[in-house]
Amino acid sequence: MRSSLLLVVLSVAGCAKPPYVRLSEAAEDGLRGPVVMAQTEHIRDGKHEVFSRDTYDRYGNRVRMELFPTGGELLGVETETIDSKGHVVEKALTNNGPNGQRPIMLSKCTYESDGRPKSETKTIAIGKVTSVVTFKFDSTGRISEKTETMTGSGKPLGPILETRSYHQNGQLSKQVRGSKPGESGMTNTVTFDQRGFEQQYVMAFDNRTLVTTYTKYKIDSHGSWTSRKVASGDDHYTEVRKIQYRK
């Protein structure tokens, strides 16, 4: 009887899901500590241009992201709606044009009882495209696969499969996107230094490769980087961040 009970316990334990693991969006952005806002600027030939301005909640969710093209004018805004458990339940992306804000994409997210993402449904205004994203997890509880099934004007557009792997610091280190397993329409690979900051980002697609390297980091007292040198192809510039923290 005890042996049977032990076997049942071991069987149940073996089937148990590992706890869901995810870094906050602030941590993914290389920010540490109780950050509220981070403004990123690019410096070329002594000229500062605002690239992005991000606002974070107490969970580290990026609740508002503002993007600026070359010239410093606002291009688009992404906002997140957070539930009482700290989950992102809705994302809205808008474009800032001459006639004001124009909706581009709306995403709605659902979760399992343990906090794992269950599905994400996107509605894209351009082309009237709708997509549903589902997830698979690895043995450590991180997202290992994302499958996106898309339809446009009521017609299926085919699935997009994304596989993921991670660095020991928890950061996403490799993404492979294709329309079926084993196919790599696009591959993004990131390497990190001993502190967990990006050293190199490689994007490969259509037999082309773009390599971006990051060097000469400056770090504040919270451990967030505030300045780094960036080299991407023929483009070389300094990237700086002005960071505000909760008191």
Protein backbone atom coordinates (compact mmCIF):
# COMPACT_ATOMS: atom_id res chain seq x y z
CA MET A 1 0.00 0.00 0.00
CA ARG A 2 2.80 2.40 0.98
CA SER A 3 4.75 1.48 -2.17
CA SER A 4 1.71 2.18 -4.33
CA LEU A 5 1.13 5.49 -2.59
CA LEU A 6 4.80 6.42 -3.06
CA LEU A 7 4.58 5.62 -6.77
CA VAL A 8 1.50 7.81 -7.11
CA VAL A 9 3.22 10.70 -5.30
CA LEU A 10 6.33 10.38 -7.45
CA SER A 11 4.22 10.20 -10.60
CA VAL A 12 2.30 13.34 -9.70
CA ALA A 13 5.52 15.14 -8.77
CA GLY A 14 7.09 14.15 -12.07
CA CYS A 15 4.16 15.64 -13.98
CA ALA A 16 4.12 18.89 -12.05
CA LYS A 17 4.90 21.99 -14.08
CA PRO A 18 8.00 23.95 -13.13
CA PRO A 19 7.16 27.45 -11.90
CA TYR A 20 6.83 30.03 -14.66
CA VAL A 21 9.99 32.12 -14.96
CA ARG A 22 10.17 35.52 -16.61
CA LEU A 23 12.32 38.59 -16.29
CA SER A 24 10.53 41.88 -16.00
CA GLU A 25 10.59 44.16 -19.03
CA ALA A 26 12.75 46.57 -17.03
CA ALA A 27 15.32 43.81 -16.40
CA GLU A 28 15.20 42.82 -20.08
CA ASP A 29 16.04 46.45 -20.87
CA GLY A 30 19.15 46.29 -18.70
CA LEU A 31 17.58 48.27 -15.85
CA ARG A 32 17.98 47.38 -12.18
CA GLY A 33 16.40 48.80 -9.09
CA PRO A 34 13.00 50.53 -8.65
CA VAL A 35 13.02 52.29 -12.01
CA VAL A 36 10.16 54.62 -12.98
CA MET A 37 11.31 56.06 -16.29
CA ALA A 38 14.21 55.75 -18.71
CA GLN A 39 14.85 58.07 -21.63
CA THR A 40 17.33 56.81 -24.23
CA GLU A 41 19.25 59.25 -26.42
CA HIS A 42 21.66 58.72 -29.31
CA ILE A 43 24.67 61.01 -29.71
CA ARG A 44 26.22 61.44 -33.15
CA ASP A 45 28.77 64.18 -33.86
CA GLY A 46 27.91 65.82 -30.54
CA LYS A 47 24.18 66.03 -31.34
CA HIS A 48 21.69 64.44 -28.91
CA GLU A 49 18.50 62.88 -30.31
CA VAL A 50 15.83 61.22 -28.17
CA PHE A 51 15.28 57.62 -29.30
CA SER A 52 12.77 56.31 -26.74
CA ARG A 53 11.10 57.16 -23.44
CA ASP A 54 9.85 54.24 -21.33
CA THR A 55 7.74 54.25 -18.15
CA TYR A 56 7.62 51.25 -15.76
CA ASP A 57 5.28 50.19 -12.96
CA ARG A 58 6.33 48.65 -9.65
CA TYR A 59 6.35 45.16 -11.22
CA GLY A 60 8.83 46.26 -13.88
CA ASN A 61 6.22 46.22 -16.64
CA ARG A 62 6.86 48.73 -19.41
CA VAL A 63 3.46 50.44 -19.17
CA ARG A 64 4.27 53.12 -21.73
CA MET A 65 6.84 53.21 -24.52
CA GLU A 66 7.33 56.27 -26.72
CA LEU A 67 9.43 55.93 -29.89
CA PHE A 68 11.05 58.80 -31.77
CA PRO A 69 12.53 58.67 -35.30
CA THR A 70 15.60 60.63 -36.35
CA GLY A 71 14.77 64.25 -35.73
CA GLY A 72 13.21 63.80 -32.29
CA GLU A 73 9.53 63.79 -33.29
CA LEU A 74 7.22 61.24 -31.67
CA LEU A 75 6.57 58.29 -34.00
CA GLY A 76 4.48 55.88 -31.96
CA VAL A 77 3.29 54.93 -28.47
CA GLU A 78 2.73 51.50 -26.92
CA THR A 79 0.75 51.32 -23.68
CA GLU A 80 0.07 48.33 -21.42
CA THR A 81 -2.88 47.60 -19.15
CA ILE A 82 -1.92 45.66 -16.01
CA ASP A 83 -4.21 43.55 -13.82
CA SER A 84 -4.08 43.27 -10.02
CA LYS A 85 -1.57 40.39 -10.26
CA GLY A 86 0.90 42.37 -12.34
CA HIS A 87 0.01 40.65 -15.63
CA VAL A 88 -0.07 42.55 -18.89
CA VAL A 89 -3.65 41.97 -20.11
CA GLU A 90 -3.71 44.45 -22.99
CA LYS A 91 -1.22 46.25 -25.24
CA ALA A 92 -2.15 49.08 -27.58
CA LEU A 93 0.19 50.42 -30.26
CA THR A 94 -0.64 53.75 -31.91
CA ASN A 95 1.09 55.79 -34.59
CA ASN A 96 1.50 59.53 -34.19
CA GLY A 97 0.64 61.17 -37.54
CA PRO A 98 -0.41 64.60 -38.78
CA ASN A 99 -4.00 63.86 -37.77
CA GLY A 100 -3.13 62.65 -34.28
CA GLN A 101 -2.90 59.16 -32.80
CA ARG A 102 -3.89 56.31 -35.12
CA PRO A 103 -4.36 52.75 -33.78
CA ILE A 104 -1.97 50.20 -35.28
CA MET A 105 -2.32 47.08 -33.16
CA LEU A 106 -4.25 45.87 -30.11
CA SER A 107 -3.20 42.77 -28.16
CA LYS A 108 -5.17 40.97 -25.45
CA CYS A 109 -3.42 38.42 -23.21
CA THR A 110 -4.75 35.57 -21.08
CA TYR A 111 -2.97 33.58 -18.36
CA GLU A 112 -3.05 30.23 -16.61
CA SER A 113 -3.70 30.11 -12.87
CA ASP A 114 0.05 29.87 -12.17
CA GLY A 115 0.75 33.04 -14.16
CA ARG A 116 1.95 31.39 -17.36
CA PRO A 117 0.86 33.12 -20.56
CA LYS A 118 -1.96 31.13 -22.15
CA SER A 119 -2.63 33.07 -25.34
CA GLU A 120 -2.22 36.47 -26.95
CA THR A 121 -4.71 37.72 -29.55
CA LYS A 122 -3.55 40.56 -31.81
CA THR A 123 -5.67 42.73 -34.05
CA ILE A 124 -3.62 44.64 -36.62
CA ALA A 125 -5.37 47.57 -38.30
CA ILE A 126 -3.27 47.49 -41.48
CA GLY A 127 -4.55 44.65 -43.67
CA LYS A 128 -7.21 43.71 -41.11
CA VAL A 129 -4.97 40.95 -39.77
CA THR A 130 -5.79 38.92 -36.65
CA SER A 131 -3.36 36.55 -35.01
CA VAL A 132 -3.45 34.20 -32.03
CA VAL A 133 -0.20 33.34 -30.23
CA THR A 134 0.14 30.20 -28.07
CA PHE A 135 3.08 29.16 -25.92
CA LYS A 136 5.19 26.15 -24.89
CA PHE A 137 7.60 26.08 -21.95
CA ASP A 138 10.94 24.40 -21.26
CA SER A 139 11.90 22.38 -18.17
CA THR A 140 12.92 25.54 -16.31
CA GLY A 141 9.54 27.24 -16.83
CA ARG A 142 10.64 29.70 -19.52
CA ILE A 143 8.87 30.19 -22.85
CA SER A 144 10.58 27.89 -25.37
CA GLU A 145 8.16 28.18 -28.31
CA LYS A 146 5.61 30.67 -29.59
CA THR A 147 3.24 29.74 -32.41
CA GLU A 148 1.41 32.58 -34.13
CA THR A 149 -1.57 31.68 -36.34
CA MET A 150 -2.59 34.57 -38.58
CA THR A 151 -5.63 35.40 -40.70
CA GLY A 152 -6.15 38.37 -43.02
CA SER A 153 -9.59 39.42 -44.26
CA GLY A 154 -10.90 36.09 -43.01
CA LYS A 155 -8.29 34.00 -44.87
CA PRO A 156 -5.50 31.98 -43.17
CA LEU A 157 -2.03 33.41 -43.73
CA GLY A 158 -0.08 30.51 -42.27
CA PRO A 159 1.59 29.99 -38.88
CA ILE A 160 4.83 31.55 -37.65
CA LEU A 161 6.89 29.43 -35.24
CA GLU A 162 9.39 31.06 -32.90
CA THR A 163 11.82 29.03 -30.80
CA ARG A 164 13.71 30.58 -27.90
CA SER A 165 16.79 29.86 -25.80
CA TYR A 166 18.24 31.76 -22.85
CA HIS A 167 21.50 32.89 -21.32
CA GLN A 168 22.31 31.82 -17.76
CA ASN A 169 21.42 35.34 -16.58
CA GLY A 170 17.83 34.73 -17.72
CA GLN A 171 18.03 37.03 -20.73
CA LEU A 172 16.76 35.86 -24.10
CA SER A 173 19.86 34.85 -26.09
CA LYS A 174 18.44 33.38 -29.31
CA GLN A 175 15.22 33.63 -31.33
CA VAL A 176 14.56 31.63 -34.48
CA ARG A 177 11.45 32.48 -36.51
CA GLY A 178 10.09 30.46 -39.43
CA SER A 179 6.87 29.04 -40.85
CA LYS A 180 7.65 25.46 -39.73
CA PRO A 181 10.00 23.59 -37.35
CA GLY A 182 13.61 23.70 -38.52
CA GLU A 183 13.07 26.67 -40.83
CA SER A 184 14.87 29.90 -39.94
CA GLY A 185 13.40 32.87 -41.73
CA MET A 186 15.04 35.14 -39.15
CA THR A 187 17.51 34.43 -36.36
CA ASN A 188 18.44 36.86 -33.59
CA THR A 189 21.39 36.01 -31.35
CA VAL A 190 22.64 37.98 -28.33
CA THR A 191 25.82 37.51 -26.32
CA PHE A 192 26.38 39.04 -22.87
CA ASP A 193 29.32 40.07 -20.70
CA GLN A 194 29.91 38.85 -17.15
CA ARG A 195 27.66 41.58 -15.75
CA GLY A 196 24.74 40.47 -17.92
CA PHE A 197 24.92 43.41 -20.35
CA GLU A 198 24.71 42.95 -24.11
CA GLN A 199 28.01 42.59 -25.97
CA GLN A 200 26.76 41.70 -29.43
CA TYR A 201 23.46 41.39 -31.25
CA VAL A 202 23.35 39.49 -34.55
CA MET A 203 20.27 39.53 -36.79
CA ALA A 204 20.32 37.14 -39.75
CA PHE A 205 17.61 37.05 -42.46
CA ASP A 206 17.36 36.55 -46.25
CA ASN A 207 21.08 35.60 -46.45
CA ARG A 208 21.99 38.91 -44.82
CA THR A 209 23.55 39.53 -41.42
CA LEU A 210 23.52 42.69 -39.32
CA VAL A 211 25.95 42.79 -36.38
CA THR A 212 25.65 45.34 -33.58
CA THR A 213 28.28 45.54 -30.83
CA TYR A 214 28.07 47.31 -27.45
CA THR A 215 31.15 48.45 -25.51
CA LYS A 216 32.38 50.93 -22.87
CA TYR A 217 29.44 50.68 -20.50
CA LYS A 218 28.92 53.16 -17.68
CA ILE A 219 26.89 51.91 -14.73
CA ASP A 220 24.98 53.83 -12.02
CA SER A 221 24.72 52.96 -8.31
CA HIS A 222 21.66 50.73 -8.93
CA GLY A 223 23.53 48.63 -11.50
CA SER A 224 21.70 50.00 -14.56
CA TRP A 225 23.75 51.04 -17.56
CA THR A 226 23.59 54.74 -18.35
CA SER A 227 25.95 54.96 -21.34
CA ARG A 228 27.48 52.65 -23.95
CA LYS A 229 29.18 52.78 -27.35
CA VAL A 230 27.24 51.22 -30.23
CA ALA A 231 28.57 50.05 -33.60
CA SER A 232 26.06 48.75 -36.15
CA GLY A 233 27.48 48.36 -39.64
CA ASP A 234 28.81 51.77 -40.64
CA ASP A 235 26.79 53.53 -37.94
CA HIS A 236 28.71 54.40 -34.75
CA TYR A 237 27.20 56.41 -31.90
CA THR A 238 26.92 56.74 -28.12
CA GLU A 239 23.71 55.64 -26.42
CA VAL A 240 22.90 57.30 -23.10
CA ARG A 241 20.00 56.91 -20.67
CA LYS A 242 18.48 59.29 -18.16
CA ILE A 243 16.88 57.12 -15.47
CA GLN A 244 14.44 58.04 -12.71
CA TYR A 245 13.94 55.73 -9.70
CA ARG A 246 11.21 55.42 -7.08
CA LYS A 247 12.18 56.93 -3.76
